Amino acid sequence: MKRGLLERELQLLQDEMLELGSMTEKAVQRALEALRHNNAELSQRVVEEDRLINEKRYQVEEHVIEFIATQSPLAADLRLAIATLFIVTDLERMADHAEGIGRIHLLLGSSPAPEVPQIWQMGERAIDMLRDALSSFVQRDVELARHVCNADDAIDSLYDAAYANIIALMIREPESVTRHTYMLWTAHNLERIGDRCTNIAERVIFLVTGRLEEINVSRY
Protein backbone atom coordinates (compact mmCIF):
# COMPACT_ATOMS: atom_id res chain seq x y z
CA MET A 1 0.00 0.00 0.00
CA LYS A 2 1.36 3.42 -0.94
CA ARG A 3 2.05 5.76 2.00
CA GLY A 4 -0.63 8.25 0.96
CA LEU A 5 -3.32 5.58 0.88
CA LEU A 6 -2.11 4.16 4.20
CA GLU A 7 -2.33 7.58 5.81
CA ARG A 8 -5.88 8.05 4.51
CA GLU A 9 -6.86 4.74 6.09
CA LEU A 10 -5.31 5.79 9.39
CA GLN A 11 -7.10 9.14 9.24
CA LEU A 12 -10.38 7.36 8.62
CA LEU A 13 -9.80 5.19 11.70
CA GLN A 14 -9.12 8.31 13.77
CA ASP A 15 -12.21 10.07 12.42
CA GLU A 16 -14.42 7.08 13.22
CA MET A 17 -13.03 6.89 16.75
CA LEU A 18 -13.61 10.62 17.29
CA GLU A 19 -17.19 10.24 16.04
CA LEU A 20 -17.69 7.59 18.70
CA GLY A 21 -16.13 9.96 21.22
CA SER A 22 -18.62 12.67 20.29
CA MET A 23 -21.52 10.23 20.65
CA THR A 24 -20.23 9.19 24.07
CA GLU A 25 -19.80 12.76 25.29
CA LYS A 26 -23.37 13.60 24.23
CA ALA A 27 -24.67 10.52 26.05
CA VAL A 28 -22.96 11.56 29.30
CA GLN A 29 -24.14 15.16 28.96
CA ARG A 30 -27.72 14.13 28.24
CA ALA A 31 -27.84 11.61 31.07
CA LEU A 32 -26.74 14.27 33.56
CA GLU A 33 -29.04 16.91 32.11
CA ALA A 34 -31.99 14.52 32.28
CA LEU A 35 -31.24 13.62 35.89
CA ARG A 36 -30.69 17.20 36.99
CA HIS A 37 -33.83 18.54 35.31
CA ASN A 38 -35.98 15.45 35.86
CA ASN A 39 -36.47 14.82 32.16
CA ALA A 40 -37.55 11.19 31.89
CA GLU A 41 -37.99 11.42 28.12
CA LEU A 42 -34.34 12.41 27.70
CA SER A 43 -33.19 9.61 30.01
CA GLN A 44 -35.17 7.13 27.93
CA ARG A 45 -33.48 8.48 24.83
CA VAL A 46 -30.03 7.93 26.39
CA VAL A 47 -30.96 4.34 27.21
CA GLU A 48 -32.33 3.62 23.74
CA GLU A 49 -29.49 5.27 21.82
CA ASP A 50 -26.83 3.25 23.64
CA ARG A 51 -27.46 0.60 20.98
CA LEU A 52 -26.15 3.01 18.31
CA ILE A 53 -22.96 3.58 20.31
CA ASN A 54 -22.45 -0.17 20.65
CA GLU A 55 -22.87 -0.59 16.91
CA LYS A 56 -20.38 2.20 16.21
CA ARG A 57 -17.81 0.59 18.49
CA TYR A 58 -18.09 -2.73 16.68
CA GLN A 59 -17.86 -0.96 13.32
CA VAL A 60 -14.59 0.72 14.33
CA GLU A 61 -13.21 -2.51 15.80
CA GLU A 62 -13.94 -4.37 12.57
CA HIS A 63 -12.25 -1.64 10.59
CA VAL A 64 -9.15 -1.75 12.81
CA ILE A 65 -8.92 -5.55 12.60
CA GLU A 66 -9.33 -5.47 8.82
CA PHE A 67 -6.65 -2.78 8.59
CA ILE A 68 -4.16 -4.81 10.64
CA ALA A 69 -4.95 -8.04 8.79
CA THR A 70 -4.70 -6.62 5.29
CA GLN A 71 -2.03 -3.94 5.61
CA SER A 72 0.35 -5.45 8.19
CA PRO A 73 1.25 -2.04 9.66
CA LEU A 74 4.49 -1.60 11.58
CA ALA A 75 5.84 0.68 14.32
CA ALA A 76 3.81 3.88 14.83
CA ASP A 77 1.06 2.82 12.44
CA LEU A 78 0.52 -0.40 14.37
CA ARG A 79 0.51 1.50 17.67
CA LEU A 80 -2.16 3.82 16.31
CA ALA A 81 -4.34 0.89 15.26
CA ILE A 82 -3.93 -0.87 18.61
CA ALA A 83 -4.50 2.34 20.61
CA THR A 84 -7.69 2.96 18.63
CA LEU A 85 -8.88 -0.55 19.38
CA PHE A 86 -8.50 0.00 23.13
CA ILE A 87 -9.85 3.55 23.12
CA VAL A 88 -13.12 2.65 21.41
CA THR A 89 -13.69 -0.01 24.06
CA ASP A 90 -13.32 2.56 26.83
CA LEU A 91 -15.57 5.02 25.00
CA GLU A 92 -18.30 2.43 24.60
CA ARG A 93 -18.08 1.52 28.27
CA MET A 94 -18.32 5.19 29.25
CA ALA A 95 -21.53 5.30 27.26
CA ASP A 96 -22.69 2.25 29.24
CA HIS A 97 -22.16 4.30 32.41
CA ALA A 98 -24.22 7.11 30.88
CA GLU A 99 -26.93 4.58 30.07
CA GLY A 100 -26.72 3.42 33.68
CA ILE A 101 -27.36 6.97 34.89
CA GLY A 102 -30.35 7.15 32.56
CA ARG A 103 -31.77 3.92 33.94
CA ILE A 104 -31.20 5.14 37.50
CA HIS A 105 -33.19 8.27 36.74
CA LEU A 106 -36.05 6.20 35.39
CA LEU A 107 -36.00 4.16 38.62
CA LEU A 108 -36.40 7.37 40.62
CA GLY A 109 -39.83 7.89 39.09
CA SER A 110 -41.52 11.25 38.70
CA SER A 111 -40.03 13.08 41.67
CA PRO A 112 -36.70 14.98 41.32
CA ALA A 113 -33.39 13.31 42.19
CA PRO A 114 -32.07 14.00 45.71
CA GLU A 115 -29.71 16.98 45.65
CA VAL A 116 -26.08 15.91 45.92
CA PRO A 117 -23.93 18.83 44.64
CA GLN A 118 -20.80 16.73 44.25
CA ILE A 119 -22.49 14.66 41.56
CA TRP A 120 -22.88 17.64 39.24
CA GLN A 121 -19.27 18.64 39.92
CA MET A 122 -18.15 15.10 39.10
CA GLY A 123 -20.13 15.24 35.88
CA GLU A 124 -18.52 18.49 34.76
CA ARG A 125 -15.04 17.20 35.51
CA ALA A 126 -15.70 13.87 33.80
CA ILE A 127 -16.82 15.62 30.61
CA ASP A 128 -13.77 17.89 30.73
CA MET A 129 -11.54 14.84 31.15
CA LEU A 130 -13.15 13.12 28.18
CA ARG A 131 -12.68 16.17 25.96
CA ASP A 132 -9.06 16.57 27.05
CA ALA A 133 -8.35 12.88 26.55
CA LEU A 134 -9.63 13.00 22.97
CA SER A 135 -7.78 16.28 22.32
CA SER A 136 -4.56 14.70 23.57
CA PHE A 137 -5.12 11.91 21.04
CA VAL A 138 -5.69 14.29 18.13
CA GLN A 139 -2.71 16.47 19.08
CA ARG A 140 -0.50 13.56 20.19
CA ASP A 141 0.04 15.64 23.34
CA VAL A 142 1.69 13.62 26.11
CA GLU A 143 1.56 16.46 28.64
CA LEU A 144 -2.18 16.91 28.15
CA ALA A 145 -2.62 13.15 28.48
CA ARG A 146 -0.74 13.23 31.79
CA HIS A 147 -2.94 16.13 32.90
CA VAL A 148 -6.00 13.96 32.25
CA CYS A 149 -4.57 11.17 34.39
CA ASN A 150 -3.81 13.55 37.24
CA ALA A 151 -7.27 15.14 37.00
CA ASP A 152 -8.80 11.83 38.06
CA ASP A 153 -7.72 12.56 41.65
CA ALA A 154 -10.28 15.38 41.81
CA ILE A 155 -13.09 13.08 40.71
CA ASP A 156 -12.04 10.51 43.31
CA SER A 157 -12.11 13.20 46.01
CA LEU A 158 -15.54 14.35 44.90
CA TYR A 159 -16.71 10.75 44.98
CA ASP A 160 -15.53 10.45 48.58
CA ALA A 161 -17.40 13.65 49.45
CA ALA A 162 -20.55 12.50 47.64
CA TYR A 163 -20.43 9.16 49.44
CA ALA A 164 -20.12 10.83 52.86
CA ASN A 165 -22.88 13.30 52.01
CA ILE A 166 -25.27 10.57 50.83
CA ILE A 167 -24.65 8.36 53.87
CA ALA A 168 -25.38 11.34 56.14
CA LEU A 169 -28.63 11.98 54.25
CA MET A 170 -29.61 8.33 54.61
CA ILE A 171 -29.08 8.50 58.37
CA ARG A 172 -31.05 11.72 58.63
CA GLU A 173 -33.85 10.55 56.31
CA PRO A 174 -34.20 6.75 56.64
CA GLU A 175 -37.29 6.74 54.43
CA SER A 176 -35.14 7.96 51.51
CA VAL A 177 -32.50 5.21 51.64
CA THR A 178 -33.53 3.67 48.31
CA ARG A 179 -33.49 6.99 46.47
CA HIS A 180 -30.14 7.95 47.92
CA THR A 181 -28.75 4.53 47.02
CA TYR A 182 -29.57 5.38 43.39
CA MET A 183 -27.47 8.53 43.78
CA LEU A 184 -24.58 6.45 45.09
CA TRP A 185 -24.83 4.38 41.92
CA THR A 186 -24.80 7.58 39.87
CA ALA A 187 -21.66 8.81 41.61
CA HIS A 188 -20.00 5.43 41.00
CA ASN A 189 -20.82 5.61 37.28
CA LEU A 190 -19.19 9.05 37.07
CA GLU A 191 -16.13 7.87 38.98
CA ARG A 192 -15.73 5.02 36.50
CA ILE A 193 -16.00 7.44 33.57
CA GLY A 194 -13.04 9.30 35.04
CA ASP A 195 -11.08 6.05 35.24
CA ARG A 196 -11.80 5.27 31.60
CA CYS A 197 -10.65 8.75 30.55
CA THR A 198 -7.39 7.92 32.31
CA ASN A 199 -7.19 4.69 30.30
CA ILE A 200 -7.53 6.68 27.07
CA ALA A 201 -4.82 9.11 28.15
CA GLU A 202 -2.48 6.21 28.93
CA ARG A 203 -3.08 4.85 25.42
CA VAL A 204 -2.18 8.24 23.98
CA ILE A 205 1.12 8.13 25.85
CA PHE A 206 1.67 4.62 24.45
CA LEU A 207 0.86 5.87 20.96
CA VAL A 208 3.39 8.70 21.15
CA THR A 209 6.19 7.09 23.17
CA GLY A 210 5.76 3.38 22.55
CA ARG A 211 5.72 2.78 26.33
CA LEU A 212 2.80 1.44 28.35
CA GLU A 213 2.52 3.33 31.63
CA GLU A 214 0.01 3.25 34.47
CA ILE A 215 -0.02 6.93 35.35
CA ASN A 216 -2.61 7.22 38.10
CA VAL A 217 -3.98 4.16 39.90
CA SER A 218 -7.61 4.53 40.96
CA ARG A 219 -8.42 4.06 44.62
CA TYR A 220 -11.60 2.13 43.76
C-alpha atoms as a PDB file:
ATOM      1  CA  MET A   1       0.000   0.000   0.000  1.00  0.00           C
ATOM      2  CA  LYS A   2       1.365   3.424  -0.940  1.00  0.00           C
ATOM      3  CA  ARG A   3       2.053   5.756   1.996  1.00  0.00           C
ATOM      4  CA  GLY A   4      -0.630   8.253   0.960  1.00  0.00           C
ATOM      5  CA  LEU A   5      -3.320   5.580   0.876  1.00  0.00           C
ATOM      6  CA  LEU A   6      -2.115   4.155   4.199  1.00  0.00           C
ATOM      7  CA  GLU A   7      -2.329   7.582   5.809  1.00  0.00           C
ATOM      8  CA  ARG A   8      -5.881   8.046   4.505  1.00  0.00           C
ATOM      9  CA  GLU A   9      -6.864   4.736   6.087  1.00  0.00           C
ATOM     10  CA  LEU A  10      -5.307   5.789   9.387  1.00  0.00           C
ATOM     11  CA  GLN A  11      -7.097   9.140   9.239  1.00  0.00           C
ATOM     12  CA  LEU A  12     -10.376   7.358   8.617  1.00  0.00           C
ATOM     13  CA  LEU A  13      -9.801   5.194  11.699  1.00  0.00           C
ATOM     14  CA  GLN A  14      -9.123   8.306  13.767  1.00  0.00           C
ATOM     15  CA  ASP A  15     -12.212  10.070  12.421  1.00  0.00           C
ATOM     16  CA  GLU A  16     -14.416   7.078  13.216  1.00  0.00           C
ATOM     17  CA  MET A  17     -13.025   6.889  16.748  1.00  0.00           C
ATOM     18  CA  LEU A  18     -13.612  10.617  17.286  1.00  0.00           C
ATOM     19  CA  GLU A  19     -17.187  10.240  16.043  1.00  0.00           C
ATOM     20  CA  LEU A  20     -17.695   7.587  18.701  1.00  0.00           C
ATOM     21  CA  GLY A  21     -16.134   9.960  21.221  1.00  0.00           C
ATOM     22  CA  SER A  22     -18.618  12.668  20.288  1.00  0.00           C
ATOM     23  CA  MET A  23     -21.523  10.232  20.651  1.00  0.00           C
ATOM     24  CA  THR A  24     -20.228   9.191  24.069  1.00  0.00           C
ATOM     25  CA  GLU A  25     -19.803  12.763  25.286  1.00  0.00           C
ATOM     26  CA  LYS A  26     -23.368  13.596  24.231  1.00  0.00           C
ATOM     27  CA  ALA A  27     -24.668  10.519  26.051  1.00  0.00           C
ATOM     28  CA  VAL A  28     -22.960  11.563  29.305  1.00  0.00           C
ATOM     29  CA  GLN A  29     -24.139  15.160  28.955  1.00  0.00           C
ATOM     30  CA  ARG A  30     -27.716  14.135  28.240  1.00  0.00           C
ATOM     31  CA  ALA A  31     -27.836  11.609  31.073  1.00  0.00           C
ATOM     32  CA  LEU A  32     -26.736  14.271  33.563  1.00  0.00           C
ATOM     33  CA  GLU A  33     -29.044  16.909  32.113  1.00  0.00           C
ATOM     34  CA  ALA A  34     -31.989  14.517  32.282  1.00  0.00           C
ATOM     35  CA  LEU A  35     -31.242  13.615  35.893  1.00  0.00           C
ATOM     36  CA  ARG A  36     -30.688  17.198  36.991  1.00  0.00           C
ATOM     37  CA  HIS A  37     -33.835  18.537  35.309  1.00  0.00           C
ATOM     38  CA  ASN A  38     -35.982  15.453  35.864  1.00  0.00           C
ATOM     39  CA  ASN A  39     -36.472  14.822  32.157  1.00  0.00           C
ATOM     40  CA  ALA A  40     -37.553  11.185  31.885  1.00  0.00           C
ATOM     41  CA  GLU A  41     -37.990  11.417  28.123  1.00  0.00           C
ATOM     42  CA  LEU A  42     -34.336  12.409  27.701  1.00  0.00           C
ATOM     43  CA  SER A  43     -33.186   9.605  30.010  1.00  0.00           C
ATOM     44  CA  GLN A  44     -35.169   7.128  27.931  1.00  0.00           C
ATOM     45  CA  ARG A  45     -33.477   8.475  24.828  1.00  0.00           C
ATOM     46  CA  VAL A  46     -30.030   7.934  26.388  1.00  0.00           C
ATOM     47  CA  VAL A  47     -30.964   4.338  27.207  1.00  0.00           C
ATOM     48  CA  GLU A  48     -32.331   3.621  23.743  1.00  0.00           C
ATOM     49  CA  GLU A  49     -29.493   5.269  21.821  1.00  0.00           C
ATOM     50  CA  ASP A  50     -26.833   3.246  23.637  1.00  0.00           C
ATOM     51  CA  ARG A  51     -27.459   0.602  20.977  1.00  0.00           C
ATOM     52  CA  LEU A  52     -26.149   3.008  18.312  1.00  0.00           C
ATOM     53  CA  ILE A  53     -22.964   3.575  20.309  1.00  0.00           C
ATOM     54  CA  ASN A  54     -22.449  -0.173  20.648  1.00  0.00           C
ATOM     55  CA  GLU A  55     -22.866  -0.585  16.909  1.00  0.00           C
ATOM     56  CA  LYS A  56     -20.382   2.204  16.210  1.00  0.00           C
ATOM     57  CA  ARG A  57     -17.810   0.586  18.493  1.00  0.00           C
ATOM     58  CA  TYR A  58     -18.094  -2.732  16.675  1.00  0.00           C
ATOM     59  CA  GLN A  59     -17.856  -0.964  13.321  1.00  0.00           C
ATOM     60  CA  VAL A  60     -14.592   0.722  14.326  1.00  0.00           C
ATOM     61  CA  GLU A  61     -13.213  -2.509  15.801  1.00  0.00           C
ATOM     62  CA  GLU A  62     -13.941  -4.374  12.573  1.00  0.00           C
ATOM     63  CA  HIS A  63     -12.250  -1.638  10.586  1.00  0.00           C
ATOM     64  CA  VAL A  64      -9.148  -1.753  12.810  1.00  0.00           C
ATOM     65  CA  ILE A  65      -8.917  -5.553  12.599  1.00  0.00           C
ATOM     66  CA  GLU A  66      -9.328  -5.467   8.816  1.00  0.00           C
ATOM     67  CA  PHE A  67      -6.654  -2.781   8.589  1.00  0.00           C
ATOM     68  CA  ILE A  68      -4.157  -4.805  10.640  1.00  0.00           C
ATOM     69  CA  ALA A  69      -4.947  -8.039   8.788  1.00  0.00           C
ATOM     70  CA  THR A  70      -4.704  -6.624   5.286  1.00  0.00           C
ATOM     71  CA  GLN A  71      -2.027  -3.935   5.605  1.00  0.00           C
ATOM     72  CA  SER A  72       0.354  -5.454   8.192  1.00  0.00           C
ATOM     73  CA  PRO A  73       1.252  -2.038   9.656  1.00  0.00           C
ATOM     74  CA  LEU A  74       4.488  -1.604  11.580  1.00  0.00           C
ATOM     75  CA  ALA A  75       5.844   0.680  14.316  1.00  0.00           C
ATOM     76  CA  ALA A  76       3.814   3.882  14.834  1.00  0.00           C
ATOM     77  CA  ASP A  77       1.061   2.817  12.439  1.00  0.00           C
ATOM     78  CA  LEU A  78       0.521  -0.401  14.366  1.00  0.00           C
ATOM     79  CA  ARG A  79       0.512   1.496  17.671  1.00  0.00           C
ATOM     80  CA  LEU A  80      -2.161   3.819  16.313  1.00  0.00           C
ATOM     81  CA  ALA A  81      -4.340   0.894  15.259  1.00  0.00           C
ATOM     82  CA  ILE A  82      -3.926  -0.867  18.613  1.00  0.00           C
ATOM     83  CA  ALA A  83      -4.502   2.335  20.608  1.00  0.00           C
ATOM     84  CA  THR A  84      -7.694   2.964  18.628  1.00  0.00           C
ATOM     85  CA  LEU A  85      -8.883  -0.547  19.381  1.00  0.00           C
ATOM     86  CA  PHE A  86      -8.504  -0.003  23.129  1.00  0.00           C
ATOM     87  CA  ILE A  87      -9.850   3.548  23.119  1.00  0.00           C
ATOM     88  CA  VAL A  88     -13.123   2.654  21.406  1.00  0.00           C
ATOM     89  CA  THR A  89     -13.686  -0.012  24.060  1.00  0.00           C
ATOM     90  CA  ASP A  90     -13.321   2.557  26.830  1.00  0.00           C
ATOM     91  CA  LEU A  91     -15.569   5.018  25.000  1.00  0.00           C
ATOM     92  CA  GLU A  92     -18.304   2.432  24.599  1.00  0.00           C
ATOM     93  CA  ARG A  93     -18.075   1.519  28.272  1.00  0.00           C
ATOM     94  CA  MET A  94     -18.315   5.187  29.253  1.00  0.00           C
ATOM     95  CA  ALA A  95     -21.525   5.295  27.258  1.00  0.00           C
ATOM     96  CA  ASP A  96     -22.690   2.251  29.243  1.00  0.00           C
ATOM     97  CA  HIS A  97     -22.161   4.300  32.413  1.00  0.00           C
ATOM     98  CA  ALA A  98     -24.225   7.111  30.876  1.00  0.00           C
ATOM     99  CA  GLU A  99     -26.934   4.584  30.066  1.00  0.00           C
ATOM    100  CA  GLY A 100     -26.716   3.418  33.679  1.00  0.00           C
ATOM    101  CA  ILE A 101     -27.363   6.970  34.891  1.00  0.00           C
ATOM    102  CA  GLY A 102     -30.348   7.147  32.555  1.00  0.00           C
ATOM    103  CA  ARG A 103     -31.767   3.918  33.938  1.00  0.00           C
ATOM    104  CA  ILE A 104     -31.205   5.141  37.503  1.00  0.00           C
ATOM    105  CA  HIS A 105     -33.185   8.273  36.736  1.00  0.00           C
ATOM    106  CA  LEU A 106     -36.052   6.201  35.390  1.00  0.00           C
ATOM    107  CA  LEU A 107     -36.001   4.162  38.616  1.00  0.00           C
ATOM    108  CA  LEU A 108     -36.404   7.374  40.620  1.00  0.00           C
ATOM    109  CA  GLY A 109     -39.833   7.889  39.088  1.00  0.00           C
ATOM    110  CA  SER A 110     -41.524  11.249  38.700  1.00  0.00           C
ATOM    111  CA  SER A 111     -40.027  13.081  41.667  1.00  0.00           C
ATOM    112  CA  PRO A 112     -36.696  14.975  41.316  1.00  0.00           C
ATOM    113  CA  ALA A 113     -33.395  13.315  42.190  1.00  0.00           C
ATOM    114  CA  PRO A 114     -32.073  14.000  45.705  1.00  0.00           C
ATOM    115  CA  GLU A 115     -29.712  16.982  45.653  1.00  0.00           C
ATOM    116  CA  VAL A 116     -26.077  15.913  45.922  1.00  0.00           C
ATOM    117  CA  PRO A 117     -23.935  18.830  44.643  1.00  0.00           C
ATOM    118  CA  GLN A 118     -20.801  16.728  44.250  1.00  0.00           C
ATOM    119  CA  ILE A 119     -22.492  14.661  41.557  1.00  0.00           C
ATOM    120  CA  TRP A 120     -22.880  17.645  39.245  1.00  0.00           C
ATOM    121  CA  GLN A 121     -19.266  18.640  39.919  1.00  0.00           C
ATOM    122  CA  MET A 122     -18.147  15.098  39.097  1.00  0.00           C
ATOM    123  CA  GLY A 123     -20.131  15.240  35.877  1.00  0.00           C
ATOM    124  CA  GLU A 124     -18.524  18.491  34.765  1.00  0.00           C
ATOM    125  CA  ARG A 125     -15.044  17.199  35.507  1.00  0.00           C
ATOM    126  CA  ALA A 126     -15.698  13.866  33.800  1.00  0.00           C
ATOM    127  CA  ILE A 127     -16.823  15.617  30.612  1.00  0.00           C
ATOM    128  CA  ASP A 128     -13.768  17.891  30.729  1.00  0.00           C
ATOM    129  CA  MET A 129     -11.536  14.839  31.150  1.00  0.00           C
ATOM    130  CA  LEU A 130     -13.145  13.119  28.177  1.00  0.00           C
ATOM    131  CA  ARG A 131     -12.677  16.171  25.960  1.00  0.00           C
ATOM    132  CA  ASP A 132      -9.057  16.573  27.045  1.00  0.00           C
ATOM    133  CA  ALA A 133      -8.345  12.877  26.553  1.00  0.00           C
ATOM    134  CA  LEU A 134      -9.627  13.002  22.975  1.00  0.00           C
ATOM    135  CA  SER A 135      -7.782  16.278  22.325  1.00  0.00           C
ATOM    136  CA  SER A 136      -4.562  14.698  23.571  1.00  0.00           C
ATOM    137  CA  PHE A 137      -5.116  11.914  21.037  1.00  0.00           C
ATOM    138  CA  VAL A 138      -5.690  14.293  18.131  1.00  0.00           C
ATOM    139  CA  GLN A 139      -2.710  16.470  19.078  1.00  0.00           C
ATOM    140  CA  ARG A 140      -0.496  13.558  20.189  1.00  0.00           C
ATOM    141  CA  ASP A 141       0.037  15.637  23.340  1.00  0.00           C
ATOM    142  CA  VAL A 142       1.688  13.618  26.107  1.00  0.00           C
ATOM    143  CA  GLU A 143       1.558  16.464  28.640  1.00  0.00           C
ATOM    144  CA  LEU A 144      -2.182  16.912  28.147  1.00  0.00           C
ATOM    145  CA  ALA A 145      -2.621  13.155  28.482  1.00  0.00           C
ATOM    146  CA  ARG A 146      -0.741  13.229  31.794  1.00  0.00           C
ATOM    147  CA  HIS A 147      -2.943  16.127  32.905  1.00  0.00           C
ATOM    148  CA  VAL A 148      -5.999  13.959  32.246  1.00  0.00           C
ATOM    149  CA  CYS A 149      -4.572  11.167  34.391  1.00  0.00           C
ATOM    150  CA  ASN A 150      -3.814  13.554  37.243  1.00  0.00           C
ATOM    151  CA  ALA A 151      -7.268  15.135  36.999  1.00  0.00           C
ATOM    152  CA  ASP A 152      -8.795  11.831  38.057  1.00  0.00           C
ATOM    153  CA  ASP A 153      -7.723  12.561  41.650  1.00  0.00           C
ATOM    154  CA  ALA A 154     -10.278  15.382  41.807  1.00  0.00           C
ATOM    155  CA  ILE A 155     -13.093  13.085  40.711  1.00  0.00           C
ATOM    156  CA  ASP A 156     -12.043  10.513  43.307  1.00  0.00           C
ATOM    157  CA  SER A 157     -12.107  13.198  46.009  1.00  0.00           C
ATOM    158  CA  LEU A 158     -15.540  14.350  44.902  1.00  0.00           C
ATOM    159  CA  TYR A 159     -16.708  10.746  44.976  1.00  0.00           C
ATOM    160  CA  ASP A 160     -15.532  10.450  48.576  1.00  0.00           C
ATOM    161  CA  ALA A 161     -17.403  13.654  49.452  1.00  0.00           C
ATOM    162  CA  ALA A 162     -20.546  12.504  47.637  1.00  0.00           C
ATOM    163  CA  TYR A 163     -20.428   9.160  49.437  1.00  0.00           C
ATOM    164  CA  ALA A 164     -20.119  10.831  52.864  1.00  0.00           C
ATOM    165  CA  ASN A 165     -22.881  13.295  52.007  1.00  0.00           C
ATOM    166  CA  ILE A 166     -25.269  10.567  50.831  1.00  0.00           C
ATOM    167  CA  ILE A 167     -24.648   8.363  53.870  1.00  0.00           C
ATOM    168  CA  ALA A 168     -25.384  11.337  56.140  1.00  0.00           C
ATOM    169  CA  LEU A 169     -28.630  11.983  54.254  1.00  0.00           C
ATOM    170  CA  MET A 170     -29.610   8.330  54.608  1.00  0.00           C
ATOM    171  CA  ILE A 171     -29.080   8.497  58.370  1.00  0.00           C
ATOM    172  CA  ARG A 172     -31.053  11.719  58.633  1.00  0.00           C
ATOM    173  CA  GLU A 173     -33.852  10.554  56.313  1.00  0.00           C
ATOM    174  CA  PRO A 174     -34.200   6.755  56.640  1.00  0.00           C
ATOM    175  CA  GLU A 175     -37.287   6.742  54.429  1.00  0.00           C
ATOM    176  CA  SER A 176     -35.136   7.958  51.512  1.00  0.00           C
ATOM    177  CA  VAL A 177     -32.499   5.214  51.638  1.00  0.00           C
ATOM    178  CA  THR A 178     -33.527   3.670  48.308  1.00  0.00           C
ATOM    179  CA  ARG A 179     -33.492   6.993  46.465  1.00  0.00           C
ATOM    180  CA  HIS A 180     -30.136   7.950  47.915  1.00  0.00           C
ATOM    181  CA  THR A 181     -28.754   4.526  47.015  1.00  0.00           C
ATOM    182  CA  TYR A 182     -29.568   5.380  43.395  1.00  0.00           C
ATOM    183  CA  MET A 183     -27.470   8.528  43.785  1.00  0.00           C
ATOM    184  CA  LEU A 184     -24.579   6.445  45.087  1.00  0.00           C
ATOM    185  CA  TRP A 185     -24.835   4.378  41.918  1.00  0.00           C
ATOM    186  CA  THR A 186     -24.802   7.577  39.868  1.00  0.00           C
ATOM    187  CA  ALA A 187     -21.657   8.806  41.611  1.00  0.00           C
ATOM    188  CA  HIS A 188     -20.002   5.430  41.001  1.00  0.00           C
ATOM    189  CA  ASN A 189     -20.816   5.612  37.281  1.00  0.00           C
ATOM    190  CA  LEU A 190     -19.190   9.048  37.068  1.00  0.00           C
ATOM    191  CA  GLU A 191     -16.130   7.873  38.984  1.00  0.00           C
ATOM    192  CA  ARG A 192     -15.727   5.021  36.501  1.00  0.00           C
ATOM    193  CA  ILE A 193     -16.000   7.437  33.567  1.00  0.00           C
ATOM    194  CA  GLY A 194     -13.042   9.298  35.039  1.00  0.00           C
ATOM    195  CA  ASP A 195     -11.078   6.049  35.245  1.00  0.00           C
ATOM    196  CA  ARG A 196     -11.802   5.273  31.599  1.00  0.00           C
ATOM    197  CA  CYS A 197     -10.655   8.746  30.547  1.00  0.00           C
ATOM    198  CA  THR A 198      -7.389   7.918  32.310  1.00  0.00           C
ATOM    199  CA  ASN A 199      -7.194   4.691  30.302  1.00  0.00           C
ATOM    200  CA  ILE A 200      -7.526   6.676  27.065  1.00  0.00           C
ATOM    201  CA  ALA A 201      -4.820   9.107  28.147  1.00  0.00           C
ATOM    202  CA  GLU A 202      -2.481   6.209  28.931  1.00  0.00           C
ATOM    203  CA  ARG A 203      -3.083   4.849  25.419  1.00  0.00           C
ATOM    204  CA  VAL A 204      -2.180   8.237  23.981  1.00  0.00           C
ATOM    205  CA  ILE A 205       1.122   8.129  25.855  1.00  0.00           C
ATOM    206  CA  PHE A 206       1.675   4.620  24.452  1.00  0.00           C
ATOM    207  CA  LEU A 207       0.865   5.871  20.959  1.00  0.00           C
ATOM    208  CA  VAL A 208       3.390   8.702  21.150  1.00  0.00           C
ATOM    209  CA  THR A 209       6.194   7.091  23.166  1.00  0.00           C
ATOM    210  CA  GLY A 210       5.758   3.379  22.552  1.00  0.00           C
ATOM    211  CA  ARG A 211       5.721   2.778  26.331  1.00  0.00           C
ATOM    212  CA  LEU A 212       2.796   1.443  28.349  1.00  0.00           C
ATOM    213  CA  GLU A 213       2.522   3.330  31.633  1.00  0.00           C
ATOM    214  CA  GLU A 214       0.007   3.251  34.466  1.00  0.00           C
ATOM    215  CA  ILE A 215      -0.023   6.929  35.354  1.00  0.00           C
ATOM    216  CA  ASN A 216      -2.610   7.215  38.100  1.00  0.00           C
ATOM    217  CA  VAL A 217      -3.976   4.157  39.904  1.00  0.00           C
ATOM    218  CA  SER A 218      -7.612   4.530  40.958  1.00  0.00           C
ATOM    219  CA  ARG A 219      -8.423   4.059  44.625  1.00  0.00           C
ATOM    220  CA  TYR A 220     -11.602   2.132  43.764  1.00  0.00           C
END
